[in-house]
Amino acid sequence: MTSEILYVDDEADIREIAEMAIGLDPSLIVRTCGSGQEGFEQARQSPPDLMLLDVMMPGLDGPGVLSLLQDDPVTASVPVVFITARTQEQEIAHLKQLGARGVIAKPFDPMTLAEQVRSFLDG
């Protein structure tokens, strides 16, 4: 069984690395986009099994996208995992309080990223 992942990050090089790293797992299909607004629109058109969101993006940031997803009946059940360089305990707790399933630290390890993503799919 395959799972579809939507990865949203404004940095093209990081999106590319994440897409390749997650794509190494044949059970994961990755779509990417470069802005929060585009990510929300893609999620509405075709809700993914899991959404990976960069926290800091220009315009609509990760927490803003999460709020839109939660308020929309089409996307309310899509689980969200934030990817961020800000991984202090209180920041992680805050993101989880907003409704995130989890947080992956940036820079992430491309060799273990697919495994991390899979662990959030199961939980």
Protein backbone atom coordinates (compact mmCIF):
# COMPACT_ATOMS: atom_id res chain seq x y z
CA MET A 1 0.00 0.00 0.00
CA THR A 2 1.35 3.40 -0.94
CA SER A 3 0.94 6.64 0.96
CA GLU A 4 0.96 10.08 -0.58
CA ILE A 5 3.06 12.78 1.06
CA LEU A 6 2.76 16.50 0.28
CA TYR A 7 5.92 18.43 1.19
CA VAL A 8 5.68 22.23 1.33
CA ASP A 9 8.87 24.30 1.61
CA ASP A 10 9.84 27.63 0.04
CA GLU A 11 13.45 26.48 -0.49
CA ALA A 12 13.71 24.57 -3.79
CA ASP A 13 16.96 22.77 -2.93
CA ILE A 14 15.54 21.42 0.35
CA ARG A 15 12.34 20.33 -1.43
CA GLU A 16 14.43 18.46 -4.00
CA ILE A 17 16.53 16.67 -1.35
CA ALA A 18 13.41 15.75 0.64
CA GLU A 19 11.63 14.50 -2.48
CA MET A 20 14.57 12.25 -3.40
CA ALA A 21 15.03 11.02 0.18
CA ILE A 22 11.35 10.18 0.74
CA GLY A 23 11.09 8.77 -2.77
CA LEU A 24 13.68 6.11 -1.89
CA ASP A 25 10.84 4.32 -0.09
CA PRO A 26 8.70 2.61 -2.76
CA SER A 27 5.65 2.82 -0.49
CA LEU A 28 5.77 6.64 -0.39
CA ILE A 29 4.71 8.94 -3.23
CA VAL A 30 5.88 12.54 -2.86
CA ARG A 31 4.37 15.75 -4.22
CA THR A 32 6.01 19.08 -3.47
CA CYS A 33 5.17 22.74 -3.70
CA GLY A 34 6.94 25.97 -2.85
CA SER A 35 4.43 28.07 -0.91
CA GLY A 36 1.92 27.70 1.87
CA GLN A 37 -0.95 28.88 -0.32
CA GLU A 38 -0.07 26.42 -3.08
CA GLY A 39 0.26 23.64 -0.50
CA PHE A 40 -3.18 24.35 0.92
CA GLU A 41 -4.72 24.44 -2.57
CA GLN A 42 -3.05 21.14 -3.53
CA ALA A 43 -4.23 19.53 -0.29
CA ARG A 44 -7.80 20.65 -1.01
CA GLN A 45 -7.69 19.27 -4.56
CA SER A 46 -6.20 15.93 -3.54
CA PRO A 47 -5.82 15.40 0.22
CA PRO A 48 -2.53 13.62 1.00
CA ASP A 49 -2.05 10.90 3.61
CA LEU A 50 0.44 13.18 5.37
CA MET A 51 1.54 16.77 4.89
CA LEU A 52 5.05 17.95 5.71
CA LEU A 53 5.17 21.70 6.29
CA ASP A 54 8.06 24.09 6.66
CA VAL A 55 7.28 26.41 9.59
CA MET A 56 8.82 29.63 8.25
CA MET A 57 7.74 30.59 4.75
CA PRO A 58 6.99 34.00 3.26
CA GLY A 59 3.31 34.85 3.02
CA LEU A 60 1.35 31.95 4.44
CA ASP A 61 3.60 30.13 6.95
CA GLY A 62 3.30 26.54 8.17
CA PRO A 63 1.08 27.26 11.21
CA GLY A 64 -1.15 29.38 8.94
CA VAL A 65 -1.52 26.48 6.51
CA LEU A 66 -2.33 24.12 9.39
CA SER A 67 -5.06 26.48 10.57
CA LEU A 68 -6.60 26.61 7.06
CA LEU A 69 -6.42 22.81 6.78
CA GLN A 70 -8.14 22.36 10.15
CA ASP A 71 -10.94 24.80 9.23
CA ASP A 72 -11.73 23.11 5.90
CA PRO A 73 -13.89 19.95 5.98
CA VAL A 74 -12.01 18.55 2.95
CA THR A 75 -8.61 18.72 4.69
CA ALA A 76 -9.46 18.71 8.41
CA SER A 77 -8.33 15.10 8.84
CA VAL A 78 -4.99 15.46 7.00
CA PRO A 79 -2.18 14.87 9.52
CA VAL A 80 0.56 17.51 9.54
CA VAL A 81 4.22 17.20 10.52
CA PHE A 82 6.31 20.36 10.70
CA ILE A 83 9.90 20.47 9.44
CA THR A 84 11.83 23.24 11.15
CA ALA A 85 15.23 24.35 12.37
CA ARG A 86 13.55 25.68 15.52
CA THR A 87 13.47 22.57 17.65
CA GLN A 88 13.63 23.86 21.20
CA GLU A 89 11.32 21.97 23.50
CA GLN A 90 8.80 24.81 23.94
CA GLU A 91 8.61 25.42 20.18
CA ILE A 92 7.93 21.72 19.49
CA ALA A 93 5.31 21.70 22.25
CA HIS A 94 3.67 24.79 20.72
CA LEU A 95 3.50 23.21 17.24
CA LYS A 96 1.97 20.05 18.68
CA GLN A 97 -0.49 22.17 20.64
CA LEU A 98 -1.59 23.72 17.33
CA GLY A 99 -2.47 20.22 16.15
CA ALA A 100 0.68 18.91 14.48
CA ARG A 101 1.27 15.17 14.66
CA GLY A 102 4.99 15.81 15.09
CA VAL A 103 8.11 17.76 14.24
CA ILE A 104 11.16 16.79 12.16
CA ALA A 105 14.34 18.80 12.77
CA LYS A 106 16.06 20.69 9.97
CA PRO A 107 18.56 19.94 8.67
CA PHE A 108 17.07 16.46 8.36
CA ASP A 109 19.08 13.34 7.57
CA PRO A 110 18.16 12.28 4.01
CA MET A 111 19.05 8.68 4.87
CA THR A 112 16.43 8.45 7.64
CA LEU A 113 13.80 10.91 6.41
CA ALA A 114 11.56 8.29 4.75
CA GLU A 115 11.64 6.21 7.94
CA GLN A 116 10.69 9.26 10.03
CA VAL A 117 7.83 10.07 7.66
CA ARG A 118 6.57 6.47 7.82
CA SER A 119 6.57 6.60 11.63
CA PHE A 120 4.17 9.58 11.51
CA LEU A 121 1.91 7.79 9.05
CA ASP A 122 1.47 4.95 11.52
CA GLY A 123 0.79 7.20 14.48
